[in-house]
Amino acid sequence: MLSRSHKLFHAIEAVLDIACHHPAAVRSADIAKRAGVDGRYLEPALQALAAHNILASKRGRAVGGYRLTRPPAKVTLGEVVRAIRSLDAPVADPAKSPLALLVVGPVLREIEDTENLALDRISFEMLCRIARTAAAPAGDAEEAA
């Protein structure tokens, strides 16, 4: 089930920022400033997103930064969630009893599958449209348009 960790929240916010500026590259320092977080905090998430081919990075002050590897309509919230979840060490399946193996485990997997389907229906193009109409903090959504 989707847990709302700070890491996940800021990673989604960063990808949304980058998507709303597509196709331009966006510096991580600019993303961090707009999000009100330390850039060093975002960097591992941005690198994980690049490793999962969601973002591409380019070095350089003038033209460097992160950009989407595909148009925002082709990048889903589900991809981002799964990429950030991959940063956490996998947990061994605690199922030992028949109830856990036959009921609890399958039910939780079904919930996770349903959640993934729902998250995969939400594109960053959709989220950018919401940001543009929602006055997300004044000026940022307009700059991104």
C-alpha atoms as a PDB file:
ATOM      1  CA  MET A   1       0.000   0.000   0.000  1.00  0.00           C
ATOM      2  CA  LEU A   2       1.199   3.454  -0.840  1.00  0.00           C
ATOM      3  CA  SER A   3       3.031   4.968   2.086  1.00  0.00           C
ATOM      4  CA  ARG A   4       3.478   8.717   2.008  1.00  0.00           C
ATOM      5  CA  SER A   5       7.146   8.998   2.865  1.00  0.00           C
ATOM      6  CA  HIS A   6       8.953  12.308   2.529  1.00  0.00           C
ATOM      7  CA  LYS A   7      11.257  10.709  -0.028  1.00  0.00           C
ATOM      8  CA  LEU A   8       8.348   9.616  -2.233  1.00  0.00           C
ATOM      9  CA  PHE A   9       6.481  12.898  -1.822  1.00  0.00           C
ATOM     10  CA  HIS A  10       9.504  14.983  -2.863  1.00  0.00           C
ATOM     11  CA  ALA A  11      10.393  12.634  -5.724  1.00  0.00           C
ATOM     12  CA  ILE A  12       6.896  12.977  -7.190  1.00  0.00           C
ATOM     13  CA  GLU A  13       7.088  16.740  -6.708  1.00  0.00           C
ATOM     14  CA  ALA A  14      10.484  16.831  -8.466  1.00  0.00           C
ATOM     15  CA  VAL A  15       9.273  14.787 -11.448  1.00  0.00           C
ATOM     16  CA  LEU A  16       6.196  17.009 -11.678  1.00  0.00           C
ATOM     17  CA  ASP A  17       8.412  20.113 -11.660  1.00  0.00           C
ATOM     18  CA  ILE A  18      10.565  18.623 -14.433  1.00  0.00           C
ATOM     19  CA  ALA A  19       7.497  17.481 -16.401  1.00  0.00           C
ATOM     20  CA  CYS A  20       5.932  20.936 -16.247  1.00  0.00           C
ATOM     21  CA  HIS A  21       9.137  22.393 -17.727  1.00  0.00           C
ATOM     22  CA  HIS A  22       9.400  19.702 -20.440  1.00  0.00           C
ATOM     23  CA  PRO A  23      11.376  19.539 -22.724  1.00  0.00           C
ATOM     24  CA  ALA A  24      13.832  21.846 -20.958  1.00  0.00           C
ATOM     25  CA  ALA A  25      16.338  20.524 -18.448  1.00  0.00           C
ATOM     26  CA  VAL A  26      15.797  21.649 -14.852  1.00  0.00           C
ATOM     27  CA  ARG A  27      18.634  22.049 -12.365  1.00  0.00           C
ATOM     28  CA  SER A  28      18.276  20.051  -9.161  1.00  0.00           C
ATOM     29  CA  ALA A  29      19.109  23.204  -7.177  1.00  0.00           C
ATOM     30  CA  ASP A  30      16.099  24.948  -8.753  1.00  0.00           C
ATOM     31  CA  ILE A  31      13.821  21.989  -7.990  1.00  0.00           C
ATOM     32  CA  ALA A  32      15.055  21.884  -4.396  1.00  0.00           C
ATOM     33  CA  LYS A  33      14.572  25.625  -3.955  1.00  0.00           C
ATOM     34  CA  ARG A  34      10.986  25.506  -5.258  1.00  0.00           C
ATOM     35  CA  ALA A  35      10.267  22.453  -3.076  1.00  0.00           C
ATOM     36  CA  GLY A  36      11.893  24.022  -0.019  1.00  0.00           C
ATOM     37  CA  VAL A  37      14.264  21.106   0.552  1.00  0.00           C
ATOM     38  CA  ASP A  38      18.018  20.634   0.584  1.00  0.00           C
ATOM     39  CA  GLY A  39      19.329  19.610  -2.836  1.00  0.00           C
ATOM     40  CA  ARG A  40      21.422  16.852  -1.272  1.00  0.00           C
ATOM     41  CA  TYR A  41      18.186  15.303  -0.028  1.00  0.00           C
ATOM     42  CA  LEU A  42      16.736  15.116  -3.553  1.00  0.00           C
ATOM     43  CA  GLU A  43      19.820  13.834  -5.328  1.00  0.00           C
ATOM     44  CA  PRO A  44      19.496  10.100  -4.446  1.00  0.00           C
ATOM     45  CA  ALA A  45      15.876  10.103  -5.636  1.00  0.00           C
ATOM     46  CA  LEU A  46      16.772  11.913  -8.872  1.00  0.00           C
ATOM     47  CA  GLN A  47      19.586   9.428  -9.486  1.00  0.00           C
ATOM     48  CA  ALA A  48      17.226   6.487  -8.884  1.00  0.00           C
ATOM     49  CA  LEU A  49      14.751   7.989 -11.332  1.00  0.00           C
ATOM     50  CA  ALA A  50      17.560   8.328 -13.879  1.00  0.00           C
ATOM     51  CA  ALA A  51      18.622   4.718 -13.261  1.00  0.00           C
ATOM     52  CA  HIS A  52      15.027   3.661 -14.024  1.00  0.00           C
ATOM     53  CA  ASN A  53      15.114   5.650 -17.294  1.00  0.00           C
ATOM     54  CA  ILE A  54      12.479   8.119 -16.132  1.00  0.00           C
ATOM     55  CA  LEU A  55      14.912  11.040 -16.041  1.00  0.00           C
ATOM     56  CA  ALA A  56      18.063  11.859 -17.952  1.00  0.00           C
ATOM     57  CA  SER A  57      20.738  14.091 -16.500  1.00  0.00           C
ATOM     58  CA  LYS A  58      23.208  16.358 -18.196  1.00  0.00           C
ATOM     59  CA  ARG A  59      26.128  18.054 -16.488  1.00  0.00           C
ATOM     60  CA  GLY A  60      26.873  21.733 -16.865  1.00  0.00           C
ATOM     61  CA  ARG A  61      25.792  24.995 -15.308  1.00  0.00           C
ATOM     62  CA  ALA A  62      24.345  26.613 -18.409  1.00  0.00           C
ATOM     63  CA  VAL A  63      22.514  23.663 -19.970  1.00  0.00           C
ATOM     64  CA  GLY A  64      22.731  21.001 -17.276  1.00  0.00           C
ATOM     65  CA  GLY A  65      19.950  19.489 -15.259  1.00  0.00           C
ATOM     66  CA  TYR A  66      17.332  16.778 -15.354  1.00  0.00           C
ATOM     67  CA  ARG A  67      14.713  16.186 -18.019  1.00  0.00           C
ATOM     68  CA  LEU A  68      12.188  13.475 -18.729  1.00  0.00           C
ATOM     69  CA  THR A  69      13.308  10.712 -21.066  1.00  0.00           C
ATOM     70  CA  ARG A  70       9.815  10.692 -22.621  1.00  0.00           C
ATOM     71  CA  PRO A  71       6.964  13.165 -22.994  1.00  0.00           C
ATOM     72  CA  PRO A  72       5.007  13.771 -19.758  1.00  0.00           C
ATOM     73  CA  ALA A  73       2.025  11.885 -21.196  1.00  0.00           C
ATOM     74  CA  LYS A  74       4.179   8.743 -21.350  1.00  0.00           C
ATOM     75  CA  VAL A  75       5.519   8.892 -17.770  1.00  0.00           C
ATOM     76  CA  THR A  76       3.224   7.567 -15.053  1.00  0.00           C
ATOM     77  CA  LEU A  77       2.951   8.099 -11.359  1.00  0.00           C
ATOM     78  CA  GLY A  78       3.260   4.328 -10.940  1.00  0.00           C
ATOM     79  CA  GLU A  79       6.704   4.277 -12.561  1.00  0.00           C
ATOM     80  CA  VAL A  80       7.949   6.963 -10.199  1.00  0.00           C
ATOM     81  CA  VAL A  81       6.504   5.251  -7.124  1.00  0.00           C
ATOM     82  CA  ARG A  82       8.103   1.921  -8.050  1.00  0.00           C
ATOM     83  CA  ALA A  83      11.474   3.569  -8.782  1.00  0.00           C
ATOM     84  CA  ILE A  84      11.537   5.296  -5.393  1.00  0.00           C
ATOM     85  CA  ARG A  85      10.354   2.181  -3.574  1.00  0.00           C
ATOM     86  CA  SER A  86      13.332   0.365  -5.097  1.00  0.00           C
ATOM     87  CA  LEU A  87      15.626   2.562  -2.965  1.00  0.00           C
ATOM     88  CA  ASP A  88      14.412   0.784   0.143  1.00  0.00           C
ATOM     89  CA  ALA A  89      15.867  -2.592   0.989  1.00  0.00           C
ATOM     90  CA  PRO A  90      13.456  -5.408   0.132  1.00  0.00           C
ATOM     91  CA  VAL A  91      11.724  -6.928   3.101  1.00  0.00           C
ATOM     92  CA  ALA A  92      11.539 -10.697   3.373  1.00  0.00           C
ATOM     93  CA  ASP A  93       8.015 -12.044   3.148  1.00  0.00           C
ATOM     94  CA  PRO A  94       6.987 -12.589   6.788  1.00  0.00           C
ATOM     95  CA  ALA A  95       4.313 -15.131   5.805  1.00  0.00           C
ATOM     96  CA  LYS A  96       4.873 -18.331   7.770  1.00  0.00           C
ATOM     97  CA  SER A  97       1.458 -19.512   8.887  1.00  0.00           C
ATOM     98  CA  PRO A  98      -1.203 -21.001   6.587  1.00  0.00           C
ATOM     99  CA  LEU A  99      -3.414 -17.914   7.137  1.00  0.00           C
ATOM    100  CA  ALA A 100      -0.591 -15.604   6.140  1.00  0.00           C
ATOM    101  CA  LEU A 101       0.379 -17.725   3.125  1.00  0.00           C
ATOM    102  CA  LEU A 102      -3.128 -18.442   1.865  1.00  0.00           C
ATOM    103  CA  VAL A 103      -5.031 -15.291   2.808  1.00  0.00           C
ATOM    104  CA  VAL A 104      -3.057 -12.285   4.009  1.00  0.00           C
ATOM    105  CA  GLY A 105      -0.262 -12.475   1.416  1.00  0.00           C
ATOM    106  CA  PRO A 106      -2.568 -12.908  -1.603  1.00  0.00           C
ATOM    107  CA  VAL A 107      -4.914 -10.146  -0.396  1.00  0.00           C
ATOM    108  CA  LEU A 108      -2.033  -7.698   0.070  1.00  0.00           C
ATOM    109  CA  ARG A 109      -0.623  -8.587  -3.370  1.00  0.00           C
ATOM    110  CA  GLU A 110      -4.051  -7.988  -4.907  1.00  0.00           C
ATOM    111  CA  ILE A 111      -4.269  -4.596  -3.206  1.00  0.00           C
ATOM    112  CA  GLU A 112      -0.785  -3.724  -4.462  1.00  0.00           C
ATOM    113  CA  ASP A 113      -1.696  -4.799  -8.018  1.00  0.00           C
ATOM    114  CA  THR A 114      -4.861  -2.671  -7.919  1.00  0.00           C
ATOM    115  CA  GLU A 115      -2.874   0.275  -6.582  1.00  0.00           C
ATOM    116  CA  ASN A 116      -0.273  -0.103  -9.356  1.00  0.00           C
ATOM    117  CA  LEU A 117      -2.992  -0.132 -12.017  1.00  0.00           C
ATOM    118  CA  ALA A 118      -4.500   3.055 -10.577  1.00  0.00           C
ATOM    119  CA  LEU A 119      -1.102   4.793 -10.360  1.00  0.00           C
ATOM    120  CA  ASP A 120      -0.238   3.750 -13.915  1.00  0.00           C
ATOM    121  CA  ARG A 121      -3.364   5.543 -15.193  1.00  0.00           C
ATOM    122  CA  ILE A 122      -2.060   8.894 -13.908  1.00  0.00           C
ATOM    123  CA  SER A 123       0.405  10.555 -16.266  1.00  0.00           C
ATOM    124  CA  PHE A 124       2.571  13.531 -15.478  1.00  0.00           C
ATOM    125  CA  GLU A 125       0.853  15.380 -18.316  1.00  0.00           C
ATOM    126  CA  MET A 126      -2.367  15.063 -16.308  1.00  0.00           C
ATOM    127  CA  LEU A 127      -0.609  16.302 -13.175  1.00  0.00           C
ATOM    128  CA  CYS A 128       0.894  19.267 -15.070  1.00  0.00           C
ATOM    129  CA  ARG A 129      -2.584  20.243 -16.255  1.00  0.00           C
ATOM    130  CA  ILE A 130      -3.818  20.156 -12.668  1.00  0.00           C
ATOM    131  CA  ALA A 131      -0.819  22.246 -11.546  1.00  0.00           C
ATOM    132  CA  ARG A 132      -1.461  24.854 -14.242  1.00  0.00           C
ATOM    133  CA  THR A 133      -5.088  25.293 -13.243  1.00  0.00           C
ATOM    134  CA  ALA A 134      -4.492  25.089  -9.488  1.00  0.00           C
ATOM    135  CA  ALA A 135      -2.268  28.146  -8.955  1.00  0.00           C
ATOM    136  CA  ALA A 136       0.429  25.918  -7.432  1.00  0.00           C
ATOM    137  CA  PRO A 137       2.403  28.373  -5.765  1.00  0.00           C
ATOM    138  CA  ALA A 138       1.824  31.520  -7.733  1.00  0.00           C
ATOM    139  CA  GLY A 139       4.077  31.747 -10.706  1.00  0.00           C
ATOM    140  CA  ASP A 140       5.607  28.255 -10.671  1.00  0.00           C
ATOM    141  CA  ALA A 141       2.809  26.585 -12.628  1.00  0.00           C
ATOM    142  CA  GLU A 142       2.641  29.547 -15.018  1.00  0.00           C
ATOM    143  CA  GLU A 143       6.424  29.477 -15.549  1.00  0.00           C
ATOM    144  CA  ALA A 144       6.146  25.784 -16.324  1.00  0.00           C
ATOM    145  CA  ALA A 145       3.441  26.271 -18.957  1.00  0.00           C
END
